[in-house]
Amino acid sequence: MVMRLSKLYGKQIYNTRGYYVGYVDEILIEIDRGRGKVLALGLPGEKVGVPYERVTAIGDIILVKAKEE
């Protein structure tokens, strides 16, 4: 799949349990591999990184795998 990174900025992120996680504020990439590495989430007053490997779907929202409890 090919997608412009600029299309991801501001998208809301939910986990696979249906909880709102935040929105895409930044995207860090690994230049030598040309792959997404981390989505940096904008949350009120903080930024949190989510490994790109946890992304399960990208559409109107971004869906990430929920952490195991």
C-alpha atoms as a PDB file:
ATOM      1  CA  MET A   1       0.000   0.000   0.000  1.00  0.00           C
ATOM      2  CA  VAL A   2       1.243   3.484  -0.832  1.00  0.00           C
ATOM      3  CA  MET A   3      -0.036   6.498   1.086  1.00  0.00           C
ATOM      4  CA  ARG A   4       1.183  10.043   1.553  1.00  0.00           C
ATOM      5  CA  LEU A   5       2.386  10.593   5.098  1.00  0.00           C
ATOM      6  CA  SER A   6       0.714  14.005   5.089  1.00  0.00           C
ATOM      7  CA  LYS A   7      -2.674  12.229   4.819  1.00  0.00           C
ATOM      8  CA  LEU A   8      -2.058  10.574   8.207  1.00  0.00           C
ATOM      9  CA  TYR A   9      -1.428  13.735  10.232  1.00  0.00           C
ATOM     10  CA  GLY A  10      -4.327  14.528  12.529  1.00  0.00           C
ATOM     11  CA  LYS A  11      -6.039  11.148  12.041  1.00  0.00           C
ATOM     12  CA  GLN A  12      -7.602   9.754  15.179  1.00  0.00           C
ATOM     13  CA  ILE A  13      -6.153   6.557  16.595  1.00  0.00           C
ATOM     14  CA  TYR A  14      -8.181   3.858  18.334  1.00  0.00           C
ATOM     15  CA  ASN A  15      -7.062   0.522  19.714  1.00  0.00           C
ATOM     16  CA  THR A  16      -8.582  -2.843  18.864  1.00  0.00           C
ATOM     17  CA  ARG A  17     -10.696  -2.684  22.023  1.00  0.00           C
ATOM     18  CA  GLY A  18     -12.425   0.456  20.756  1.00  0.00           C
ATOM     19  CA  TYR A  19     -10.695   2.991  23.008  1.00  0.00           C
ATOM     20  CA  TYR A  20      -9.537   6.376  21.714  1.00  0.00           C
ATOM     21  CA  VAL A  21      -5.739   6.573  21.960  1.00  0.00           C
ATOM     22  CA  GLY A  22      -4.944   9.987  20.445  1.00  0.00           C
ATOM     23  CA  TYR A  23      -4.173  11.479  17.052  1.00  0.00           C
ATOM     24  CA  VAL A  24      -1.172  11.384  14.723  1.00  0.00           C
ATOM     25  CA  ASP A  25       1.110  14.314  15.463  1.00  0.00           C
ATOM     26  CA  GLU A  26       4.352  13.037  13.909  1.00  0.00           C
ATOM     27  CA  ILE A  27       5.628  10.022  12.012  1.00  0.00           C
ATOM     28  CA  LEU A  28       9.198   8.824  12.397  1.00  0.00           C
ATOM     29  CA  ILE A  29      10.691   6.704   9.611  1.00  0.00           C
ATOM     30  CA  GLU A  30      13.759   4.559   9.303  1.00  0.00           C
ATOM     31  CA  ILE A  31      15.520   6.079   6.285  1.00  0.00           C
ATOM     32  CA  ASP A  32      17.780   3.127   5.418  1.00  0.00           C
ATOM     33  CA  ARG A  33      14.788   0.782   5.281  1.00  0.00           C
ATOM     34  CA  GLY A  34      12.175   3.260   4.031  1.00  0.00           C
ATOM     35  CA  ARG A  35       9.623   1.964   6.522  1.00  0.00           C
ATOM     36  CA  GLY A  36       7.421   3.531   9.146  1.00  0.00           C
ATOM     37  CA  LYS A  37       8.907   3.116  12.595  1.00  0.00           C
ATOM     38  CA  VAL A  38       6.846   5.057  15.134  1.00  0.00           C
ATOM     39  CA  LEU A  39       3.643   7.069  15.137  1.00  0.00           C
ATOM     40  CA  ALA A  40       3.973   9.918  17.628  1.00  0.00           C
ATOM     41  CA  LEU A  41       0.605  10.581  19.173  1.00  0.00           C
ATOM     42  CA  GLY A  42      -0.519  13.976  20.291  1.00  0.00           C
ATOM     43  CA  LEU A  43      -2.289  13.798  23.607  1.00  0.00           C
ATOM     44  CA  PRO A  44      -3.224  16.709  25.837  1.00  0.00           C
ATOM     45  CA  GLY A  45       0.106  17.899  27.250  1.00  0.00           C
ATOM     46  CA  GLU A  46       2.238  14.983  26.053  1.00  0.00           C
ATOM     47  CA  LYS A  47       3.446  12.879  23.138  1.00  0.00           C
ATOM     48  CA  VAL A  48       3.540   9.094  23.160  1.00  0.00           C
ATOM     49  CA  GLY A  49       5.167   6.806  20.602  1.00  0.00           C
ATOM     50  CA  VAL A  50       3.386   3.783  19.194  1.00  0.00           C
ATOM     51  CA  PRO A  51       5.490   1.237  17.266  1.00  0.00           C
ATOM     52  CA  TYR A  52       4.300   1.082  13.671  1.00  0.00           C
ATOM     53  CA  GLU A  53       4.181  -2.732  13.935  1.00  0.00           C
ATOM     54  CA  ARG A  54       1.100  -2.320  16.175  1.00  0.00           C
ATOM     55  CA  VAL A  55      -0.856  -0.585  13.392  1.00  0.00           C
ATOM     56  CA  THR A  56      -3.494  -3.018  12.128  1.00  0.00           C
ATOM     57  CA  ALA A  57      -5.524  -0.781   9.783  1.00  0.00           C
ATOM     58  CA  ILE A  58      -5.469   2.675   8.230  1.00  0.00           C
ATOM     59  CA  GLY A  59      -8.632   4.248   6.864  1.00  0.00           C
ATOM     60  CA  ASP A  60     -10.825   7.060   8.191  1.00  0.00           C
ATOM     61  CA  ILE A  61      -9.099   6.316  11.510  1.00  0.00           C
ATOM     62  CA  ILE A  62      -5.966   4.393  12.456  1.00  0.00           C
ATOM     63  CA  LEU A  63      -6.425   1.160  14.379  1.00  0.00           C
ATOM     64  CA  VAL A  64      -3.613  -0.130  16.617  1.00  0.00           C
ATOM     65  CA  LYS A  65      -3.367  -3.420  18.461  1.00  0.00           C
ATOM     66  CA  ALA A  66      -4.310  -3.009  22.135  1.00  0.00           C
ATOM     67  CA  LYS A  67      -1.710  -3.855  24.750  1.00  0.00           C
ATOM     68  CA  GLU A  68      -2.136  -7.224  26.442  1.00  0.00           C
ATOM     69  CA  GLU A  69      -3.336  -7.061  30.026  1.00  0.00           C
END
